[in-house]
Amino acid sequence: MVGGCRTAVPEGQMPWDEESVVASFASKVDSKSVVKGSSMRVDYGTPGVDSDEKLVQPAKGGKIVVVNGQR
């Protein structure tokens, strides 16, 4: 899991032309690897341990994006 807000926003949806953190990381790992990131802002304000899905719930529409490694 690549921690951080908006780590998996699709290309063209951010104000710069770079690929997402998740896409960049996936291009560096083998095809047996799985890279996960968030398409939205992540809520880190909850106490305790939360699932990935619960972290994006407050964003109302956010999701965890899963990308397979590319090498």
PDB file of N, CA and C in Angstrom:
ATOM      1  N   MET A   1       0.854  -1.178   0.000  1.00  0.00           N
ATOM      2  CA  MET A   1       0.000   0.000   0.000  1.00  0.00           C
ATOM      3  C   MET A   1       0.891   1.228   0.000  1.00  0.00           C
ATOM      4  N   VAL A   2       0.624   2.130  -0.895  1.00  0.00           N
ATOM      5  CA  VAL A   2       1.334   3.411  -0.929  1.00  0.00           C
ATOM      6  C   VAL A   2       0.502   4.379  -0.105  1.00  0.00           C
ATOM      7  N   GLY A   3       0.978   4.731   1.082  1.00  0.00           N
ATOM      8  CA  GLY A   3       0.206   5.601   1.962  1.00  0.00           C
ATOM      9  C   GLY A   3       0.225   7.044   1.500  1.00  0.00           C
ATOM     10  N   GLY A   4      -0.889   7.702   1.638  1.00  0.00           N
ATOM     11  CA  GLY A   4      -0.966   9.113   1.298  1.00  0.00           C
ATOM     12  C   GLY A   4      -2.208   9.449   0.515  1.00  0.00           C
ATOM     13  N   CYS A   5      -2.618  10.673   0.607  1.00  0.00           N
ATOM     14  CA  CYS A   5      -3.798  11.145  -0.120  1.00  0.00           C
ATOM     15  C   CYS A   5      -3.509  11.212  -1.613  1.00  0.00           C
ATOM     16  N   ARG A   6      -4.492  10.856  -2.385  1.00  0.00           N
ATOM     17  CA  ARG A   6      -4.472  11.003  -3.849  1.00  0.00           C
ATOM     18  C   ARG A   6      -3.259  10.342  -4.519  1.00  0.00           C
ATOM     19  N   THR A   7      -2.847   9.196  -4.004  1.00  0.00           N
ATOM     20  CA  THR A   7      -1.683   8.516  -4.584  1.00  0.00           C
ATOM     21  C   THR A   7      -2.015   7.757  -5.859  1.00  0.00           C
ATOM     22  N   ALA A   8      -3.310   7.580  -6.147  1.00  0.00           N
ATOM     23  CA  ALA A   8      -3.707   6.814  -7.325  1.00  0.00           C
ATOM     24  C   ALA A   8      -4.675   7.582  -8.222  1.00  0.00           C
ATOM     25  N   VAL A   9      -4.581   8.886  -8.226  1.00  0.00           N
ATOM     26  CA  VAL A   9      -5.443   9.691  -9.097  1.00  0.00           C
ATOM     27  C   VAL A   9      -5.045   9.422 -10.547  1.00  0.00           C
ATOM     28  N   PRO A  10      -6.015   9.124 -11.403  1.00  0.00           N
ATOM     29  CA  PRO A  10      -5.689   8.817 -12.797  1.00  0.00           C
ATOM     30  C   PRO A  10      -4.992   9.971 -13.516  1.00  0.00           C
ATOM     31  N   GLU A  11      -4.147   9.625 -14.481  1.00  0.00           N
ATOM     32  CA  GLU A  11      -3.453  10.637 -15.284  1.00  0.00           C
ATOM     33  C   GLU A  11      -4.438  11.614 -15.893  1.00  0.00           C
ATOM     34  N   GLY A  12      -4.075  12.882 -15.904  1.00  0.00           N
ATOM     35  CA  GLY A  12      -4.924  13.907 -16.492  1.00  0.00           C
ATOM     36  C   GLY A  12      -5.914  14.536 -15.526  1.00  0.00           C
ATOM     37  N   GLN A  13      -6.016  13.993 -14.311  1.00  0.00           N
ATOM     38  CA  GLN A  13      -6.958  14.546 -13.345  1.00  0.00           C
ATOM     39  C   GLN A  13      -6.275  15.386 -12.263  1.00  0.00           C
ATOM     40  N   MET A  14      -4.984  15.531 -12.351  1.00  0.00           N
ATOM     41  CA  MET A  14      -4.240  16.386 -11.427  1.00  0.00           C
ATOM     42  C   MET A  14      -3.695  17.561 -12.237  1.00  0.00           C
ATOM     43  N   PRO A  15      -3.351  18.660 -11.558  1.00  0.00           N
ATOM     44  CA  PRO A  15      -2.901  19.854 -12.298  1.00  0.00           C
ATOM     45  C   PRO A  15      -1.507  19.747 -12.905  1.00  0.00           C
ATOM     46  N   TRP A  16      -0.852  18.626 -12.770  1.00  0.00           N
ATOM     47  CA  TRP A  16       0.456  18.439 -13.400  1.00  0.00           C
ATOM     48  C   TRP A  16       0.395  17.205 -14.295  1.00  0.00           C
ATOM     49  N   ASP A  17       1.401  17.018 -15.122  1.00  0.00           N
ATOM     50  CA  ASP A  17       1.376  15.967 -16.139  1.00  0.00           C
ATOM     51  C   ASP A  17       2.032  14.656 -15.720  1.00  0.00           C
ATOM     52  N   GLU A  18       2.456  14.534 -14.484  1.00  0.00           N
ATOM     53  CA  GLU A  18       3.135  13.318 -14.053  1.00  0.00           C
ATOM     54  C   GLU A  18       2.138  12.203 -13.780  1.00  0.00           C
ATOM     55  N   GLU A  19       2.617  10.953 -13.872  1.00  0.00           N
ATOM     56  CA  GLU A  19       1.756   9.829 -13.535  1.00  0.00           C
ATOM     57  C   GLU A  19       1.591   9.749 -12.020  1.00  0.00           C
ATOM     58  N   SER A  20       0.618   8.974 -11.564  1.00  0.00           N
ATOM     59  CA  SER A  20       0.362   8.856 -10.130  1.00  0.00           C
ATOM     60  C   SER A  20       1.517   8.143  -9.432  1.00  0.00           C
ATOM     61  N   VAL A  21       1.579   8.290  -8.127  1.00  0.00           N
ATOM     62  CA  VAL A  21       2.602   7.610  -7.328  1.00  0.00           C
ATOM     63  C   VAL A  21       2.450   6.098  -7.488  1.00  0.00           C
ATOM     64  N   VAL A  22       1.228   5.614  -7.475  1.00  0.00           N
ATOM     65  CA  VAL A  22       0.979   4.176  -7.615  1.00  0.00           C
ATOM     66  C   VAL A  22       1.448   3.665  -8.976  1.00  0.00           C
ATOM     67  N   ALA A  23       1.123   4.376 -10.047  1.00  0.00           N
ATOM     68  CA  ALA A  23       1.548   3.956 -11.392  1.00  0.00           C
ATOM     69  C   ALA A  23       3.072   3.949 -11.499  1.00  0.00           C
ATOM     70  N   SER A  24       3.706   4.957 -10.944  1.00  0.00           N
ATOM     71  CA  SER A  24       5.165   5.030 -10.978  1.00  0.00           C
ATOM     72  C   SER A  24       5.795   3.869 -10.199  1.00  0.00           C
ATOM     73  N   PHE A  25       5.262   3.588  -9.015  1.00  0.00           N
ATOM     74  CA  PHE A  25       5.790   2.504  -8.190  1.00  0.00           C
ATOM     75  C   PHE A  25       5.562   1.155  -8.870  1.00  0.00           C
ATOM     76  N   ALA A  26       4.373   0.964  -9.472  1.00  0.00           N
ATOM     77  CA  ALA A  26       4.055  -0.308 -10.138  1.00  0.00           C
ATOM     78  C   ALA A  26       4.996  -0.585 -11.306  1.00  0.00           C
ATOM     79  N   SER A  27       5.491   0.460 -11.945  1.00  0.00           N
ATOM     80  CA  SER A  27       6.409   0.262 -13.077  1.00  0.00           C
ATOM     81  C   SER A  27       7.782  -0.217 -12.620  1.00  0.00           C
ATOM     82  N   LYS A  28       8.035  -0.161 -11.326  1.00  0.00           N
ATOM     83  CA  LYS A  28       9.351  -0.546 -10.795  1.00  0.00           C
ATOM     84  C   LYS A  28       9.372  -1.907 -10.109  1.00  0.00           C
ATOM     85  N   VAL A  29       8.204  -2.516  -9.913  1.00  0.00           N
ATOM     86  CA  VAL A  29       8.158  -3.808  -9.227  1.00  0.00           C
ATOM     87  C   VAL A  29       7.706  -4.904 -10.186  1.00  0.00           C
ATOM     88  N   ASP A  30       7.963  -6.165  -9.811  1.00  0.00           N
ATOM     89  CA  ASP A  30       7.641  -7.274 -10.713  1.00  0.00           C
ATOM     90  C   ASP A  30       6.136  -7.542 -10.794  1.00  0.00           C
ATOM     91  N   SER A  31       5.748  -8.353 -11.754  1.00  0.00           N
ATOM     92  CA  SER A  31       4.335  -8.603 -12.032  1.00  0.00           C
ATOM     93  C   SER A  31       3.636  -9.409 -10.939  1.00  0.00           C
ATOM     94  N   LYS A  32       4.388 -10.003 -10.015  1.00  0.00           N
ATOM     95  CA  LYS A  32       3.783 -10.713  -8.887  1.00  0.00           C
ATOM     96  C   LYS A  32       3.396  -9.752  -7.768  1.00  0.00           C
ATOM     97  N   SER A  33       3.847  -8.518  -7.857  1.00  0.00           N
ATOM     98  CA  SER A  33       3.575  -7.520  -6.826  1.00  0.00           C
ATOM     99  C   SER A  33       2.273  -6.791  -7.111  1.00  0.00           C
ATOM    100  N   VAL A  34       1.644  -6.310  -6.044  1.00  0.00           N
ATOM    101  CA  VAL A  34       0.420  -5.528  -6.147  1.00  0.00           C
ATOM    102  C   VAL A  34       0.654  -4.214  -5.403  1.00  0.00           C
ATOM    103  N   VAL A  35       0.317  -3.111  -6.041  1.00  0.00           N
ATOM    104  CA  VAL A  35       0.476  -1.792  -5.436  1.00  0.00           C
ATOM    105  C   VAL A  35      -0.915  -1.211  -5.234  1.00  0.00           C
ATOM    106  N   LYS A  36      -1.180  -0.705  -4.028  1.00  0.00           N
ATOM    107  CA  LYS A  36      -2.485  -0.113  -3.721  1.00  0.00           C
ATOM    108  C   LYS A  36      -2.306   1.340  -3.328  1.00  0.00           C
ATOM    109  N   GLY A  37      -3.257   2.168  -3.696  1.00  0.00           N
ATOM    110  CA  GLY A  37      -3.230   3.578  -3.329  1.00  0.00           C
ATOM    111  C   GLY A  37      -4.642   4.116  -3.276  1.00  0.00           C
ATOM    112  N   SER A  38      -4.777   5.352  -2.871  1.00  0.00           N
ATOM    113  CA  SER A  38      -6.083   5.980  -2.722  1.00  0.00           C
ATOM    114  C   SER A  38      -6.364   6.940  -3.870  1.00  0.00           C
ATOM    115  N   SER A  39      -7.609   6.925  -4.346  1.00  0.00           N
ATOM    116  CA  SER A  39      -7.997   7.855  -5.403  1.00  0.00           C
ATOM    117  C   SER A  39      -8.442   9.202  -4.828  1.00  0.00           C
ATOM    118  N   MET A  40      -8.560   9.279  -3.529  1.00  0.00           N
ATOM    119  CA  MET A  40      -9.076  10.481  -2.866  1.00  0.00           C
ATOM    120  C   MET A  40      -8.232  10.819  -1.636  1.00  0.00           C
ATOM    121  N   ARG A  41      -8.633  11.869  -0.963  1.00  0.00           N
ATOM    122  CA  ARG A  41      -8.024  12.225   0.313  1.00  0.00           C
ATOM    123  C   ARG A  41      -8.317  11.118   1.320  1.00  0.00           C
ATOM    124  N   VAL A  42      -7.347  10.802   2.166  1.00  0.00           N
ATOM    125  CA  VAL A  42      -7.489   9.740   3.154  1.00  0.00           C
ATOM    126  C   VAL A  42      -7.664  10.370   4.534  1.00  0.00           C
ATOM    127  N   ASP A  43      -8.567   9.814   5.343  1.00  0.00           N
ATOM    128  CA  ASP A  43      -8.842  10.324   6.684  1.00  0.00           C
ATOM    129  C   ASP A  43      -7.964   9.602   7.696  1.00  0.00           C
ATOM    130  N   TYR A  44      -6.912  10.269   8.165  1.00  0.00           N
ATOM    131  CA  TYR A  44      -6.016   9.662   9.147  1.00  0.00           C
ATOM    132  C   TYR A  44      -6.383  10.055  10.576  1.00  0.00           C
ATOM    133  N   GLY A  45      -7.484  10.788  10.755  1.00  0.00           N
ATOM    134  CA  GLY A  45      -7.853  11.296  12.068  1.00  0.00           C
ATOM    135  C   GLY A  45      -8.564  10.307  12.964  1.00  0.00           C
ATOM    136  N   THR A  46      -8.797   9.086  12.488  1.00  0.00           N
ATOM    137  CA  THR A  46      -9.507   8.117  13.309  1.00  0.00           C
ATOM    138  C   THR A  46      -8.533   7.382  14.222  1.00  0.00           C
ATOM    139  N   PRO A  47      -8.934   7.146  15.469  1.00  0.00           N
ATOM    140  CA  PRO A  47      -8.047   6.424  16.385  1.00  0.00           C
ATOM    141  C   PRO A  47      -8.028   4.930  16.070  1.00  0.00           C
ATOM    142  N   GLY A  48      -6.946   4.267  16.389  1.00  0.00           N
ATOM    143  CA  GLY A  48      -6.853   2.828  16.192  1.00  0.00           C
ATOM    144  C   GLY A  48      -6.458   2.455  14.783  1.00  0.00           C
ATOM    145  N   VAL A  49      -6.663   1.187  14.461  1.00  0.00           N
ATOM    146  CA  VAL A  49      -6.297   0.653  13.153  1.00  0.00           C
ATOM    147  C   VAL A  49      -7.558   0.525  12.312  1.00  0.00           C
ATOM    148  N   ASP A  50      -7.522   1.084  11.113  1.00  0.00           N
ATOM    149  CA  ASP A  50      -8.668   1.019  10.207  1.00  0.00           C
ATOM    150  C   ASP A  50      -8.295   0.267   8.938  1.00  0.00           C
ATOM    151  N   SER A  51      -9.304  -0.275   8.278  1.00  0.00           N
ATOM    152  CA  SER A  51      -9.076  -0.911   6.983  1.00  0.00           C
ATOM    153  C   SER A  51      -8.848   0.180   5.941  1.00  0.00           C
ATOM    154  N   ASP A  52      -8.266  -0.207   4.817  1.00  0.00           N
ATOM    155  CA  ASP A  52      -8.056   0.745   3.729  1.00  0.00           C
ATOM    156  C   ASP A  52      -9.386   1.353   3.291  1.00  0.00           C
ATOM    157  N   GLU A  53     -10.400   0.509   3.183  1.00  0.00           N
ATOM    158  CA  GLU A  53     -11.710   0.979   2.728  1.00  0.00           C
ATOM    159  C   GLU A  53     -12.313   1.993   3.698  1.00  0.00           C
ATOM    160  N   LYS A  54     -12.098   1.789   5.000  1.00  0.00           N
ATOM    161  CA  LYS A  54     -12.645   2.725   5.991  1.00  0.00           C
ATOM    162  C   LYS A  54     -11.922   4.069   5.929  1.00  0.00           C
ATOM    163  N   LEU A  55     -10.646   4.058   5.601  1.00  0.00           N
ATOM    164  CA  LEU A  55      -9.884   5.305   5.527  1.00  0.00           C
ATOM    165  C   LEU A  55     -10.401   6.233   4.435  1.00  0.00           C
ATOM    166  N   VAL A  56     -10.945   5.685   3.357  1.00  0.00           N
ATOM    167  CA  VAL A  56     -11.441   6.542   2.282  1.00  0.00           C
ATOM    168  C   VAL A  56     -12.937   6.822   2.370  1.00  0.00           C
ATOM    169  N   GLN A  57     -13.643   6.221   3.316  1.00  0.00           N
ATOM    170  CA  GLN A  57     -15.077   6.455   3.461  1.00  0.00           C
ATOM    171  C   GLN A  57     -15.451   7.924   3.629  1.00  0.00           C
ATOM    172  N   PRO A  58     -14.759   8.687   4.493  1.00  0.00           N
ATOM    173  CA  PRO A  58     -15.149  10.087   4.661  1.00  0.00           C
ATOM    174  C   PRO A  58     -15.066  10.909   3.382  1.00  0.00           C
ATOM    175  N   ALA A  59     -14.326  10.430   2.393  1.00  0.00           N
ATOM    176  CA  ALA A  59     -14.198  11.151   1.131  1.00  0.00           C
ATOM    177  C   ALA A  59     -15.452  10.998   0.265  1.00  0.00           C
ATOM    178  N   LYS A  60     -16.342  10.092   0.629  1.00  0.00           N
ATOM    179  CA  LYS A  60     -17.587   9.861  -0.118  1.00  0.00           C
ATOM    180  C   LYS A  60     -17.322   9.671  -1.614  1.00  0.00           C
ATOM    181  N   GLY A  61     -16.903   8.516  -1.960  1.00  0.00           N
ATOM    182  CA  GLY A  61     -16.627   8.216  -3.362  1.00  0.00           C
ATOM    183  C   GLY A  61     -15.194   7.796  -3.593  1.00  0.00           C
ATOM    184  N   GLY A  62     -14.372   7.931  -2.586  1.00  0.00           N
ATOM    185  CA  GLY A  62     -12.989   7.499  -2.716  1.00  0.00           C
ATOM    186  C   GLY A  62     -12.911   5.990  -2.775  1.00  0.00           C
ATOM    187  N   LYS A  63     -11.852   5.488  -3.351  1.00  0.00           N
ATOM    188  CA  LYS A  63     -11.683   4.036  -3.408  1.00  0.00           C
ATOM    189  C   LYS A  63     -10.210   3.695  -3.364  1.00  0.00           C
ATOM    190  N   ILE A  64      -9.951   2.453  -3.013  1.00  0.00           N
ATOM    191  CA  ILE A  64      -8.594   1.941  -3.039  1.00  0.00           C
ATOM    192  C   ILE A  64      -8.366   1.379  -4.445  1.00  0.00           C
ATOM    193  N   VAL A  65      -7.321   1.857  -5.097  1.00  0.00           N
ATOM    194  CA  VAL A  65      -6.994   1.433  -6.455  1.00  0.00           C
ATOM    195  C   VAL A  65      -5.884   0.390  -6.373  1.00  0.00           C
ATOM    196  N   VAL A  66      -6.059  -0.711  -7.067  1.00  0.00           N
ATOM    197  CA  VAL A  66      -5.090  -1.812  -7.068  1.00  0.00           C
ATOM    198  C   VAL A  66      -4.468  -1.917  -8.456  1.00  0.00           C
ATOM    199  N   VAL A  67      -3.123  -1.881  -8.510  1.00  0.00           N
ATOM    200  CA  VAL A  67      -2.400  -1.960  -9.776  1.00  0.00           C
ATOM    201  C   VAL A  67      -1.358  -3.077  -9.658  1.00  0.00           C
ATOM    202  N   ASN A  68      -1.288  -3.946 -10.638  1.00  0.00           N
ATOM    203  CA  ASN A  68      -0.269  -4.995 -10.652  1.00  0.00           C
ATOM    204  C   ASN A  68       1.062  -4.428 -11.097  1.00  0.00           C
ATOM    205  N   GLY A  69       2.143  -5.017 -10.573  1.00  0.00           N
ATOM    206  CA  GLY A  69       3.478  -4.621 -10.997  1.00  0.00           C
ATOM    207  C   GLY A  69       3.659  -4.832 -12.496  1.00  0.00           C
ATOM    208  N   GLN A  70       4.567  -4.106 -13.079  1.00  0.00           N
ATOM    209  CA  GLN A  70       4.707  -4.101 -14.542  1.00  0.00           C
ATOM    210  C   GLN A  70       6.000  -4.735 -15.054  1.00  0.00           C
ATOM    211  N   ARG A  71       6.905  -5.122 -14.189  1.00  0.00           N
ATOM    212  CA  ARG A  71       8.195  -5.628 -14.672  1.00  0.00           C
ATOM    213  C   ARG A  71       8.190  -7.123 -14.790  1.00  0.00           C
TER     214      ARG A  71
END
